Protein backbone atom coordinates (compact mmCIF):
# COMPACT_ATOMS: atom_id res chain seq x y z
CA MET A 1 96.67 153.94 133.76
CA GLN A 2 94.07 156.39 132.61
CA GLN A 3 92.50 156.56 129.16
CA ILE A 4 89.69 158.91 128.21
CA VAL A 5 87.22 157.66 125.60
CA GLU A 6 84.79 160.21 124.19
CA LYS A 7 81.19 158.98 123.88
CA PRO A 8 78.12 160.71 122.41
CA TRP A 9 76.62 160.94 125.92
CA GLY A 10 79.85 162.17 127.61
CA GLN A 11 83.02 160.18 128.26
CA GLU A 12 84.50 157.10 129.89
CA ILE A 13 87.67 157.30 131.93
CA LEU A 14 89.25 153.84 131.90
CA LEU A 15 91.17 153.23 135.12
CA SER A 16 92.34 149.62 134.74
CA GLU A 17 94.76 147.84 132.43
CA PRO A 18 92.97 145.90 129.65
CA GLU A 19 94.61 142.54 130.50
CA LEU A 20 93.34 142.48 134.11
CA PRO A 21 90.46 140.17 135.12
CA TYR A 22 88.28 143.21 135.86
CA THR A 23 87.50 146.62 134.38
CA ALA A 24 87.20 149.88 136.32
CA LYS A 25 85.93 153.09 134.76
CA ILE A 26 84.19 156.36 135.49
CA LEU A 27 81.30 157.35 133.22
CA SER A 28 80.72 161.11 132.93
CA LEU A 29 77.27 161.84 131.52
CA GLN A 30 75.90 165.14 130.26
CA PRO A 31 72.45 166.24 131.51
CA GLN A 32 69.54 164.37 129.85
CA ALA A 33 71.98 162.05 128.01
CA ARG A 34 71.16 158.34 127.89
CA LEU A 35 73.17 155.25 127.23
CA SER A 36 71.67 152.53 125.06
CA LEU A 37 68.94 150.26 126.29
CA GLN A 38 71.26 147.27 126.21
CA TYR A 39 72.32 143.95 127.63
CA HIS A 40 75.57 142.01 127.69
CA ASP A 41 75.90 138.31 126.96
CA GLN A 42 78.97 137.88 129.23
CA LYS A 43 79.68 141.02 131.23
CA THR A 44 78.56 141.64 134.82
CA GLU A 45 78.84 145.20 136.08
CA THR A 46 78.23 147.13 139.27
CA LEU A 47 77.32 150.81 138.88
CA THR A 48 77.69 153.40 141.65
CA LEU A 49 76.62 157.05 141.43
CA ILE A 50 79.51 159.26 142.54
CA ASN A 51 77.85 162.66 142.07
CA GLY A 52 74.94 164.33 140.32
CA GLN A 53 71.60 162.67 139.62
CA ALA A 54 70.91 159.69 137.37
CA ASN A 55 68.22 157.11 136.71
CA LEU A 56 68.83 153.43 136.10
CA THR A 57 66.30 151.43 134.08
CA PHE A 58 66.61 147.64 134.23
CA GLY A 59 64.69 144.40 133.92
CA PRO A 60 64.61 140.95 132.36
CA ASP A 61 62.83 142.14 129.21
CA GLN A 62 61.24 145.25 127.67
CA ASN A 63 57.84 144.46 129.22
CA GLN A 64 59.23 144.31 132.77
CA LEU A 65 61.49 147.36 132.97
CA GLN A 66 61.64 149.46 136.12
CA THR A 67 63.37 152.79 136.66
CA VAL A 68 64.98 153.90 139.91
CA SER A 69 66.68 157.13 140.93
CA MET A 70 70.22 156.09 141.76
CA VAL A 71 71.31 156.68 145.35
CA PRO A 72 74.90 157.92 145.74
CA GLN A 73 77.46 155.39 147.00
CA THR A 74 75.04 152.49 146.41
CA GLY A 75 75.99 149.59 144.16
CA TYR A 76 73.59 148.40 141.44
CA THR A 77 74.69 145.08 139.94
CA ILE A 78 73.67 144.19 136.40
CA LYS A 79 74.20 140.55 135.43
CA PRO A 80 74.43 139.17 131.87
CA THR A 81 71.19 139.28 129.83
CA ILE A 82 69.57 141.93 132.09
CA LEU A 83 68.43 144.93 130.05
CA HIS A 84 69.63 148.25 131.41
CA ARG A 85 70.05 151.92 130.61
CA LEU A 86 71.56 154.89 132.44
CA GLU A 87 70.08 158.35 132.04
CA ALA A 88 71.58 161.52 133.49
CA VAL A 89 69.21 163.95 135.16
CA THR A 90 72.09 166.39 135.78
CA ASP A 91 75.79 166.23 135.02
CA CYS A 92 76.85 163.09 136.82
CA GLN A 93 79.64 160.62 137.29
CA ILE A 94 79.13 156.90 137.75
CA PHE A 95 81.80 154.41 138.77
CA GLU A 96 81.61 151.08 136.94
CA ALA A 97 83.38 147.93 138.14
CA SER A 98 82.89 144.96 135.85
CA THR A 99 84.18 141.74 134.47
CA PRO A 100 86.39 142.25 131.40
CA GLU A 101 84.96 143.89 128.28
CA LYS A 102 84.29 140.61 126.46
CA GLY A 103 81.34 139.29 124.51
CA THR A 104 78.67 141.37 122.85
CA THR A 105 76.76 144.43 124.00
CA PHE A 106 73.35 144.16 122.34
CA ARG A 107 71.75 147.58 121.82
CA LEU A 108 67.94 147.43 121.60
CA GLU A 109 67.50 151.23 121.51
CA ASP A 110 70.20 153.83 120.97
CA ASP A 111 69.69 157.59 120.71
CA TYR A 112 72.85 157.85 118.61
CA GLY A 113 72.17 155.13 116.02
CA ARG A 114 74.94 152.82 117.21
CA SER A 115 74.76 149.09 116.52
CA ASN A 116 75.82 146.15 118.70
CA GLU A 117 79.37 146.19 120.02
CA ILE A 118 81.53 143.06 119.93
CA ASN A 119 84.53 142.79 122.27
CA LYS A 120 87.08 139.99 122.08
């Protein structure tokens, strides 16, 4: 299975069937594009930089955020309620393995004006 979903920051390539107990996708980000500063109430995800350069910002709340330059082929696990944001420095691809797309993605900041996303 492969499904391409266009996003304002680039695209997602969904690799796994929606009924499986996990989700696998590749995020392709355009240079300087950012995902929302967000957290999930249920989803756990592991992000791995495949190519290019990207920064990952994360922390328990907005007063304790830290930003790291992602190292290729290194897994960064984001558990529920942890704030996080990806930002592309160059064109980049990031592999995401996660629990199913369930619960709510709460967007605290979004460059594209998007609101929270609810998945059933």
